[in-house]
């Protein structure tokens, strides 16, 4: 017996001026620690790909800059062997790897502070595109951080699912 394909009504796109809807629903499925799935839905702005990319770039730069500051704090501004001030060259700037910088950040500020900082940055990013959610709690940076505290990885999932919708045109289970 053949399975009947689901039909979805399609509207003809007549011009690029029609564009996208200004907002859309983004369903997110999270897994509780007991393995049960829970769903919440965000209402999101339909940013253009380049607008979204700029926000992602801004977030990455902020992370890297805070890590570089931590590394500079932990190493000081002087060469450990000569005691002279370091002169930053392109070679020395590239020498400090992202991993070394992240380790220096944790060594200087601790894991808790690093996680709090990352949650705050992720929540700020989500608030750049999310305008509402299906929870009764207010959509705020504090509540997004609380969501991350209770469902580890949830803010990364929200960002990844939003990225898939904006960059690849995929929403939910659509192809």
N, C-alpha and C. Protein backbone atom coordinates (compact mmCIF):
# COMPACT_ATOMS: atom_id res chain seq x y z
N UNK A 1 0.84 -1.17 0.00
CA UNK A 1 0.00 0.00 0.00
C UNK A 1 0.89 1.24 0.00
N UNK A 2 0.71 2.10 -0.96
CA UNK A 2 1.53 3.31 -1.10
C UNK A 2 1.11 4.35 -0.06
N UNK A 3 2.10 5.07 0.44
CA UNK A 3 1.84 6.12 1.40
C UNK A 3 1.53 7.41 0.64
N UNK A 4 0.48 8.06 1.01
CA UNK A 4 0.10 9.30 0.36
C UNK A 4 0.96 10.44 0.92
N UNK A 5 1.56 11.23 0.01
CA UNK A 5 2.38 12.34 0.45
C UNK A 5 1.51 13.47 0.98
N UNK A 6 2.03 14.12 1.99
CA UNK A 6 1.34 15.25 2.59
C UNK A 6 1.40 16.43 1.61
N UNK A 7 0.29 17.08 1.38
CA UNK A 7 0.28 18.23 0.48
C UNK A 7 0.30 19.52 1.29
N UNK A 8 1.06 20.45 0.80
CA UNK A 8 1.17 21.75 1.43
C UNK A 8 0.85 22.79 0.37
N UNK A 9 -0.04 23.71 0.70
CA UNK A 9 -0.37 24.73 -0.30
C UNK A 9 0.84 25.62 -0.54
N UNK A 10 1.02 26.00 -1.79
CA UNK A 10 2.16 26.81 -2.19
C UNK A 10 1.63 28.06 -2.88
N UNK A 11 2.21 29.19 -2.53
CA UNK A 11 1.86 30.45 -3.17
C UNK A 11 2.97 30.81 -4.14
N UNK A 12 2.63 31.32 -5.28
CA UNK A 12 3.64 31.75 -6.25
C UNK A 12 4.30 33.03 -5.79
N UNK A 13 5.63 33.05 -5.84
CA UNK A 13 6.40 34.25 -5.54
C UNK A 13 6.43 35.08 -6.81
N UNK A 14 5.93 36.30 -6.74
CA UNK A 14 5.83 37.13 -7.93
C UNK A 14 6.97 38.13 -8.06
N UNK A 15 7.55 38.55 -6.94
CA UNK A 15 8.70 39.46 -6.98
C UNK A 15 9.49 39.33 -5.69
N UNK A 16 10.75 39.74 -5.75
CA UNK A 16 11.58 39.69 -4.55
C UNK A 16 11.13 40.74 -3.53
N UNK A 17 10.36 41.70 -3.99
CA UNK A 17 9.82 42.71 -3.08
C UNK A 17 8.88 42.13 -2.04
N UNK A 18 8.30 40.96 -2.37
CA UNK A 18 7.41 40.31 -1.40
C UNK A 18 8.18 39.86 -0.18
N UNK A 19 9.42 39.41 -0.38
CA UNK A 19 10.29 39.01 0.72
C UNK A 19 9.70 37.97 1.64
N UNK A 20 10.17 37.97 2.86
CA UNK A 20 9.74 37.02 3.88
C UNK A 20 8.79 37.70 4.87
N UNK A 21 8.10 36.91 5.62
CA UNK A 21 7.30 37.44 6.73
C UNK A 21 8.27 38.10 7.72
N UNK A 22 7.87 39.17 8.39
CA UNK A 22 8.79 39.85 9.30
C UNK A 22 9.17 39.00 10.52
N UNK A 23 8.29 38.08 10.92
CA UNK A 23 8.60 37.18 12.03
C UNK A 23 8.14 35.77 11.67
N UNK A 24 8.68 34.80 12.40
CA UNK A 24 8.28 33.41 12.19
C UNK A 24 8.41 32.65 13.50
N UNK A 25 7.73 31.53 13.59
CA UNK A 25 7.78 30.67 14.77
C UNK A 25 8.94 29.69 14.62
N UNK A 26 9.73 29.55 15.67
CA UNK A 26 10.86 28.63 15.69
C UNK A 26 10.66 27.62 16.81
N UNK A 27 10.19 26.41 16.49
CA UNK A 27 10.00 25.39 17.53
C UNK A 27 11.35 24.79 17.94
N UNK A 28 11.54 24.64 19.23
CA UNK A 28 12.78 24.07 19.77
C UNK A 28 12.40 22.87 20.63
N UNK A 29 13.05 21.75 20.39
CA UNK A 29 12.83 20.56 21.21
C UNK A 29 14.08 20.34 22.05
N UNK A 30 13.87 20.28 23.36
CA UNK A 30 14.96 20.05 24.31
C UNK A 30 14.75 18.71 24.99
N UNK A 31 15.83 18.12 25.46
CA UNK A 31 15.76 16.84 26.15
C UNK A 31 16.05 17.05 27.63
N UNK A 32 15.13 16.59 28.46
CA UNK A 32 15.34 16.65 29.90
C UNK A 32 16.34 15.57 30.30
N UNK A 33 16.88 15.68 31.49
CA UNK A 33 17.86 14.70 31.95
C UNK A 33 17.28 13.30 32.07
N UNK A 34 15.96 13.19 32.22
CA UNK A 34 15.34 11.87 32.29
C UNK A 34 15.04 11.30 30.89
N UNK A 35 15.44 12.04 29.85
CA UNK A 35 15.26 11.57 28.48
C UNK A 35 13.98 12.05 27.81
N UNK A 36 13.08 12.63 28.58
CA UNK A 36 11.83 13.13 28.00
C UNK A 36 12.10 14.39 27.19
N UNK A 37 11.35 14.54 26.11
CA UNK A 37 11.48 15.70 25.23
C UNK A 37 10.47 16.76 25.64
N UNK A 38 10.88 18.00 25.60
CA UNK A 38 9.99 19.14 25.84
C UNK A 38 10.15 20.12 24.68
N UNK A 39 9.09 20.85 24.42
CA UNK A 39 9.11 21.76 23.28
C UNK A 39 8.74 23.16 23.74
N UNK A 40 9.42 24.14 23.20
CA UNK A 40 9.02 25.52 23.36
C UNK A 40 9.19 26.20 22.02
N UNK A 41 8.48 27.28 21.83
CA UNK A 41 8.50 27.95 20.54
C UNK A 41 8.89 29.41 20.73
N UNK A 42 9.83 29.86 19.93
CA UNK A 42 10.24 31.26 19.92
C UNK A 42 9.59 31.95 18.73
N UNK A 43 9.22 33.20 18.90
CA UNK A 43 8.85 34.05 17.78
C UNK A 43 10.10 34.85 17.45
N UNK A 44 10.53 34.76 16.20
CA UNK A 44 11.82 35.35 15.81
C UNK A 44 11.67 36.34 14.67
N UNK A 45 12.54 37.34 14.68
CA UNK A 45 12.64 38.25 13.55
C UNK A 45 13.27 37.49 12.39
N UNK A 46 12.79 37.76 11.20
CA UNK A 46 13.38 37.15 10.00
C UNK A 46 14.50 38.05 9.50
N UNK A 47 15.66 37.92 10.13
CA UNK A 47 16.81 38.72 9.71
C UNK A 47 17.31 38.22 8.35
N UNK A 48 17.97 39.09 7.63
CA UNK A 48 18.63 38.67 6.39
C UNK A 48 19.88 37.88 6.77
N UNK A 49 20.34 37.04 5.87
CA UNK A 49 21.53 36.21 6.15
C UNK A 49 22.70 37.06 6.61
N UNK A 50 22.94 38.17 5.92
CA UNK A 50 24.09 39.00 6.25
C UNK A 50 23.92 39.69 7.60
N UNK A 51 22.69 40.05 7.96
CA UNK A 51 22.45 40.64 9.29
C UNK A 51 22.74 39.61 10.38
N UNK A 52 22.28 38.39 10.16
CA UNK A 52 22.52 37.31 11.13
C UNK A 52 24.02 37.01 11.22
N UNK A 53 24.69 36.97 10.09
CA UNK A 53 26.13 36.69 10.09
C UNK A 53 26.88 37.78 10.86
N UNK A 54 26.47 39.03 10.70
CA UNK A 54 27.12 40.12 11.42
C UNK A 54 26.93 39.97 12.93
N UNK A 55 25.74 39.55 13.36
CA UNK A 55 25.51 39.33 14.79
C UNK A 55 26.37 38.19 15.32
N UNK A 56 26.48 37.11 14.53
CA UNK A 56 27.32 35.98 14.94
C UNK A 56 28.78 36.41 15.04
N UNK A 57 29.23 37.19 14.04
CA UNK A 57 30.61 37.69 14.05
C UNK A 57 30.86 38.55 15.29
N UNK A 58 29.92 39.42 15.59
CA UNK A 58 30.04 40.31 16.75
C UNK A 58 30.15 39.49 18.04
N UNK A 59 29.36 38.45 18.16
CA UNK A 59 29.40 37.60 19.34
C UNK A 59 30.74 36.87 19.44
N UNK A 60 31.23 36.34 18.32
CA UNK A 60 32.52 35.64 18.32
C UNK A 60 33.66 36.59 18.67
N UNK A 61 33.62 37.81 18.12
CA UNK A 61 34.66 38.79 18.45
C UNK A 61 34.63 39.13 19.93
N UNK A 62 33.44 39.29 20.50
CA UNK A 62 33.32 39.59 21.93
C UNK A 62 33.90 38.47 22.78
N UNK A 63 33.63 37.24 22.39
CA UNK A 63 34.18 36.09 23.13
C UNK A 63 35.70 36.10 23.03
N UNK A 64 36.22 36.25 21.83
CA UNK A 64 37.67 36.20 21.66
C UNK A 64 38.35 37.37 22.36
N UNK A 65 37.75 38.55 22.31
CA UNK A 65 38.35 39.71 22.99
C UNK A 65 38.39 39.49 24.50
N UNK A 66 37.32 38.95 25.07
CA UNK A 66 37.34 38.71 26.52
C UNK A 66 38.36 37.64 26.89
N UNK A 67 38.52 36.65 26.01
CA UNK A 67 39.54 35.63 26.26
C UNK A 67 40.94 36.23 26.16
N UNK A 68 41.15 37.10 25.18
CA UNK A 68 42.47 37.73 25.02
C UNK A 68 42.79 38.61 26.22
N UNK A 69 41.78 39.31 26.73
CA UNK A 69 41.98 40.15 27.91
C UNK A 69 42.39 39.29 29.11
N UNK A 70 41.74 38.16 29.26
CA UNK A 70 42.08 37.25 30.36
C UNK A 70 43.49 36.73 30.22
N UNK A 71 43.87 36.40 29.00
CA UNK A 71 45.22 35.89 28.78
C UNK A 71 46.24 36.98 29.10
N UNK A 72 45.97 38.21 28.68
CA UNK A 72 46.89 39.31 28.96
C UNK A 72 47.00 39.54 30.46
N UNK A 73 45.88 39.43 31.18
CA UNK A 73 45.88 39.60 32.62
C UNK A 73 46.69 38.51 33.30
N UNK A 74 46.55 37.27 32.82
CA UNK A 74 47.25 36.17 33.47
C UNK A 74 48.74 36.18 33.14
N UNK A 75 49.11 36.69 31.97
CA UNK A 75 50.52 36.69 31.59
C UNK A 75 51.19 38.01 31.90
N UNK A 76 50.42 39.05 32.13
CA UNK A 76 50.99 40.37 32.32
C UNK A 76 51.42 40.93 30.98
N UNK A 77 51.92 42.16 30.99
CA UNK A 77 52.34 42.81 29.75
C UNK A 77 53.84 42.72 29.55
N UNK A 78 54.52 41.89 30.30
CA UNK A 78 55.98 41.80 30.19
C UNK A 78 56.40 40.40 29.77
N UNK A 79 57.50 40.35 29.09
CA UNK A 79 58.09 39.08 28.67
C UNK A 79 58.56 38.36 29.93
N UNK A 80 58.14 37.12 30.15
CA UNK A 80 58.51 36.42 31.38
C UNK A 80 60.01 36.17 31.50
N UNK A 81 60.73 36.09 30.39
CA UNK A 81 62.18 35.82 30.44
C UNK A 81 63.00 37.08 30.62
N UNK A 82 62.66 38.15 29.89
CA UNK A 82 63.48 39.36 29.93
C UNK A 82 62.94 40.42 30.86
N UNK A 83 61.65 40.34 31.17
CA UNK A 83 61.04 41.36 32.01
C UNK A 83 60.68 42.62 31.24
N UNK A 84 60.99 42.63 29.94
CA UNK A 84 60.67 43.80 29.11
C UNK A 84 59.23 43.73 28.64
N UNK A 85 58.71 44.92 28.30
CA UNK A 85 57.34 44.95 27.77
C UNK A 85 57.28 44.23 26.45
N UNK A 86 56.21 43.46 26.28
CA UNK A 86 56.00 42.75 25.02
C UNK A 86 55.57 43.74 23.95
N UNK A 87 56.17 43.62 22.79
CA UNK A 87 55.73 44.36 21.62
C UNK A 87 54.96 43.37 20.76
N UNK A 88 53.68 43.64 20.55
CA UNK A 88 52.87 42.69 19.80
C UNK A 88 53.15 42.83 18.31
N UNK A 89 53.49 41.72 17.72
CA UNK A 89 53.70 41.65 16.28
C UNK A 89 52.66 40.69 15.73
N UNK A 90 52.48 40.68 14.42
CA UNK A 90 51.53 39.71 13.86
C UNK A 90 51.88 38.28 14.24
N UNK A 91 53.18 37.99 14.33
CA UNK A 91 53.59 36.63 14.68
C UNK A 91 53.21 36.28 16.11
N UNK A 92 53.45 37.21 17.04
CA UNK A 92 53.12 36.91 18.44
C UNK A 92 51.61 36.90 18.66
N UNK A 93 50.90 37.74 17.91
CA UNK A 93 49.44 37.76 18.04
C UNK A 93 48.85 36.43 17.60
N UNK A 94 49.41 35.85 16.52
CA UNK A 94 48.91 34.57 16.02
C UNK A 94 49.36 33.40 16.89
N UNK A 95 50.46 33.59 17.63
CA UNK A 95 51.03 32.48 18.39
C UNK A 95 50.09 32.00 19.49
N UNK A 96 49.37 32.94 20.09
CA UNK A 96 48.45 32.55 21.16
C UNK A 96 47.21 31.92 20.52
N UNK A 97 47.09 30.64 20.68
CA UNK A 97 45.95 29.94 20.08
C UNK A 97 44.68 30.21 20.87
N UNK A 98 43.56 29.96 20.23
CA UNK A 98 42.26 30.12 20.86
C UNK A 98 42.17 29.25 22.11
N UNK A 99 42.68 28.02 22.02
CA UNK A 99 42.64 27.10 23.16
C UNK A 99 43.48 27.62 24.32
N UNK A 100 44.68 28.10 24.02
CA UNK A 100 45.53 28.67 25.07
C UNK A 100 44.82 29.84 25.75
N UNK A 101 44.17 30.65 24.94
CA UNK A 101 43.47 31.81 25.47
C UNK A 101 42.30 31.38 26.35
N UNK A 102 41.55 30.37 25.91
CA UNK A 102 40.43 29.86 26.71
C UNK A 102 40.92 29.27 28.03
N UNK A 103 42.02 28.55 27.99
CA UNK A 103 42.60 27.97 29.21
C UNK A 103 43.04 29.07 30.16
N UNK A 104 43.66 30.12 29.61
CA UNK A 104 44.08 31.24 30.44
C UNK A 104 42.88 31.92 31.09
N UNK A 105 41.78 32.02 30.36
CA UNK A 105 40.57 32.63 30.90
C UNK A 105 40.04 31.82 32.09
N UNK A 106 40.01 30.51 31.94
CA UNK A 106 39.53 29.65 33.04
C UNK A 106 40.49 29.71 34.22
N UNK A 107 41.80 29.71 33.92
CA UNK A 107 42.79 29.78 34.99
C UNK A 107 42.69 31.09 35.76
N UNK A 108 42.41 32.17 35.05
CA UNK A 108 42.34 33.49 35.68
C UNK A 108 41.03 33.70 36.42
N UNK A 109 39.93 33.37 35.79
CA UNK A 109 38.62 33.72 36.34
C UNK A 109 37.84 32.54 36.89
N UNK A 110 38.22 31.32 36.54
CA UNK A 110 37.51 30.14 36.99
C UNK A 110 36.43 29.71 36.01
N UNK A 111 36.04 28.46 36.11
CA UNK A 111 35.05 27.88 35.21
C UNK A 111 33.69 28.55 35.39
N UNK A 112 33.29 28.80 36.65
CA UNK A 112 31.98 29.40 36.88
C UNK A 112 31.85 30.75 36.18
N UNK A 113 32.84 31.61 36.34
CA UNK A 113 32.79 32.93 35.70
C UNK A 113 32.79 32.80 34.19
N UNK A 114 33.54 31.85 33.66
CA UNK A 114 33.58 31.65 32.21
C UNK A 114 32.22 31.20 31.69
N UNK A 115 31.57 30.31 32.42
CA UNK A 115 30.25 29.83 32.01
C UNK A 115 29.22 30.94 32.12
N UNK A 116 29.26 31.71 33.20
CA UNK A 116 28.32 32.83 33.35
C UNK A 116 28.48 33.83 32.21
N UNK A 117 29.73 34.12 31.85
CA UNK A 117 30.00 35.06 30.76
C UNK A 117 29.46 34.52 29.44
N UNK A 118 29.70 33.24 29.18
CA UNK A 118 29.21 32.63 27.93
C UNK A 118 27.68 32.62 27.88
N UNK A 119 27.03 32.32 29.01
CA UNK A 119 25.56 32.33 29.04
C UNK A 119 25.02 33.73 28.78
N UNK A 120 25.67 34.73 29.36
CA UNK A 120 25.22 36.12 29.16
C UNK A 120 25.37 36.51 27.69
N UNK A 121 26.48 36.12 27.08
CA UNK A 121 26.69 36.44 25.66
C UNK A 121 25.69 35.70 24.77
N UNK A 122 25.43 34.43 25.08
CA UNK A 122 24.45 33.66 24.30
C UNK A 122 23.05 34.24 24.46
N UNK A 123 22.68 34.61 25.68
CA UNK A 123 21.35 35.19 25.92
C UNK A 123 21.21 36.51 25.17
N UNK A 124 22.26 37.32 25.18
CA UNK A 124 22.21 38.60 24.45
C UNK A 124 22.04 38.36 22.95
N UNK A 125 22.69 37.33 22.43
CA UNK A 125 22.56 37.01 21.01
C UNK A 125 21.13 36.58 20.69
N UNK A 126 20.56 35.70 21.52
CA UNK A 126 19.18 35.24 21.29
C UNK A 126 18.22 36.42 21.32
N UNK A 127 18.44 37.36 22.23
CA UNK A 127 17.55 38.52 22.31
C UNK A 127 17.66 39.45 21.11
N UNK A 128 18.70 39.27 20.30
CA UNK A 128 18.83 40.06 19.07
C UNK A 128 17.83 39.62 18.01
N UNK A 129 17.39 38.34 18.08
CA UNK A 129 16.46 37.86 17.06
C UNK A 129 15.12 37.36 17.62
N UNK A 130 15.08 36.96 18.87
CA UNK A 130 13.83 36.44 19.46
C UNK A 130 13.02 37.58 20.06
N UNK A 131 11.74 37.59 19.75
CA UNK A 131 10.86 38.65 20.28
C UNK A 131 9.88 38.13 21.33
N UNK A 132 9.66 36.82 21.35
CA UNK A 132 8.73 36.22 22.31
C UNK A 132 9.01 34.72 22.38
N UNK A 133 8.43 34.07 23.40
CA UNK A 133 8.51 32.61 23.48
C UNK A 133 7.23 32.08 24.10
N UNK A 134 7.07 30.79 24.01
CA UNK A 134 5.82 30.17 24.46
C UNK A 134 5.75 29.95 25.97
N UNK A 135 6.79 30.25 26.70
CA UNK A 135 6.78 30.10 28.15
C UNK A 135 6.00 31.25 28.78
N UNK A 136 5.45 31.02 29.96
CA UNK A 136 4.73 32.09 30.66
C UNK A 136 5.70 33.10 31.26
N UNK A 137 6.95 32.70 31.43
CA UNK A 137 7.97 33.61 31.94
C UNK A 137 8.33 34.65 30.88
N UNK A 138 8.70 35.84 31.32
CA UNK A 138 9.11 36.90 30.41
C UNK A 138 10.37 36.47 29.63
N UNK A 139 10.43 36.82 28.36
CA UNK A 139 11.64 36.58 27.58
C UNK A 139 12.65 37.65 27.96
N UNK A 140 13.68 37.25 28.70
CA UNK A 140 14.70 38.18 29.18
C UNK A 140 16.04 37.46 29.23
N UNK A 141 17.10 38.23 29.37
CA UNK A 141 18.43 37.64 29.47
C UNK A 141 18.52 36.72 30.68
N UNK A 142 17.95 37.14 31.80
CA UNK A 142 18.00 36.32 33.01
C UNK A 142 17.25 35.00 32.82
N UNK A 143 16.08 35.06 32.21
CA UNK A 143 15.31 33.83 32.00
C UNK A 143 15.94 32.93 30.95
N UNK A 144 16.57 33.51 29.94
CA UNK A 144 17.30 32.69 28.97
C UNK A 144 18.48 31.99 29.65
N UNK A 145 19.18 32.71 30.53
CA UNK A 145 20.28 32.10 31.28
C UNK A 145 19.75 30.98 32.18
N UNK A 146 18.58 31.18 32.77
CA UNK A 146 17.96 30.15 33.60
C UNK A 146 17.60 28.93 32.76
N UNK A 147 17.09 29.15 31.55
CA UNK A 147 16.81 28.04 30.63
C UNK A 147 18.09 27.25 30.37
N UNK A 148 19.19 27.95 30.14
CA UNK A 148 20.47 27.29 29.89
C UNK A 148 20.94 26.54 31.13
N UNK A 149 20.71 27.10 32.32
CA UNK A 149 21.09 26.43 33.56
C UNK A 149 20.35 25.10 33.70
N UNK A 150 19.07 25.10 33.34
CA UNK A 150 18.23 23.91 33.53
C UNK A 150 18.30 22.94 32.36
N UNK A 151 18.58 23.44 31.17
CA UNK A 151 18.67 22.61 29.96
C UNK A 151 19.98 22.98 29.26
N UNK A 152 21.07 22.40 29.75
CA UNK A 152 22.39 22.70 29.19
C UNK A 152 22.43 22.55 27.68
N UNK A 153 22.98 23.54 27.02
CA UNK A 153 23.08 23.51 25.56
C UNK A 153 21.87 24.09 24.86
N UNK A 154 20.87 24.53 25.64
CA UNK A 154 19.63 25.01 25.01
C UNK A 154 19.84 26.29 24.20
N UNK A 155 20.65 27.22 24.68
CA UNK A 155 20.85 28.46 23.93
C UNK A 155 21.64 28.20 22.65
N UNK A 156 22.58 27.28 22.71
CA UNK A 156 23.31 26.91 21.49
C UNK A 156 22.35 26.27 20.50
N UNK A 157 21.41 25.48 20.99
CA UNK A 157 20.42 24.84 20.11
C UNK A 157 19.50 25.88 19.48
N UNK A 158 19.06 26.86 20.27
CA UNK A 158 18.22 27.92 19.73
C UNK A 158 18.96 28.65 18.60
N UNK A 159 20.22 28.99 18.87
CA UNK A 159 21.02 29.69 17.85
C UNK A 159 21.25 28.82 16.62
N UNK A 160 21.53 27.54 16.83
CA UNK A 160 21.77 26.62 15.70
C UNK A 160 20.50 26.44 14.86
N UNK A 161 19.36 26.30 15.52
CA UNK A 161 18.10 26.13 14.79
C UNK A 161 17.72 27.42 14.05
N UNK A 162 17.98 28.56 14.67
CA UNK A 162 17.73 29.83 14.00
C UNK A 162 18.66 29.96 12.79
N UNK A 163 19.90 29.59 12.98
CA UNK A 163 20.88 29.63 11.89
C UNK A 163 20.42 28.76 10.72
N UNK A 164 19.95 27.56 11.02
CA UNK A 164 19.44 26.66 9.96
C UNK A 164 18.27 27.30 9.22
N UNK A 165 17.40 27.97 9.95
CA UNK A 165 16.23 28.61 9.32
C UNK A 165 16.66 29.77 8.43
N UNK A 166 17.56 30.61 8.91
CA UNK A 166 17.96 31.81 8.17
C UNK A 166 18.94 31.49 7.05
N UNK A 167 19.97 30.71 7.35
CA UNK A 167 21.04 30.46 6.37
C UNK A 167 20.65 29.39 5.36
N UNK A 168 20.01 28.32 5.82
CA UNK A 168 19.69 27.21 4.92
C UNK A 168 18.22 27.17 4.51
N UNK A 169 17.42 28.04 5.09
CA UNK A 169 15.99 28.02 4.76
C UNK A 169 15.27 26.81 5.29
N UNK A 170 15.81 26.20 6.36
CA UNK A 170 15.19 25.00 6.94
C UNK A 170 14.58 25.36 8.27
N UNK A 171 13.33 24.98 8.44
CA UNK A 171 12.63 25.25 9.68
C UNK A 171 11.98 23.96 10.14
N UNK A 172 12.25 23.58 11.38
CA UNK A 172 11.69 22.33 11.90
C UNK A 172 12.19 21.13 11.12
N UNK A 173 11.28 20.28 10.65
CA UNK A 173 11.65 19.08 9.91
C UNK A 173 11.65 19.30 8.41
N UNK A 174 11.48 20.54 7.96
CA UNK A 174 11.41 20.78 6.52
C UNK A 174 12.76 20.59 5.87
N UNK A 175 12.74 20.32 4.58
CA UNK A 175 13.99 20.15 3.84
C UNK A 175 14.25 21.30 2.95
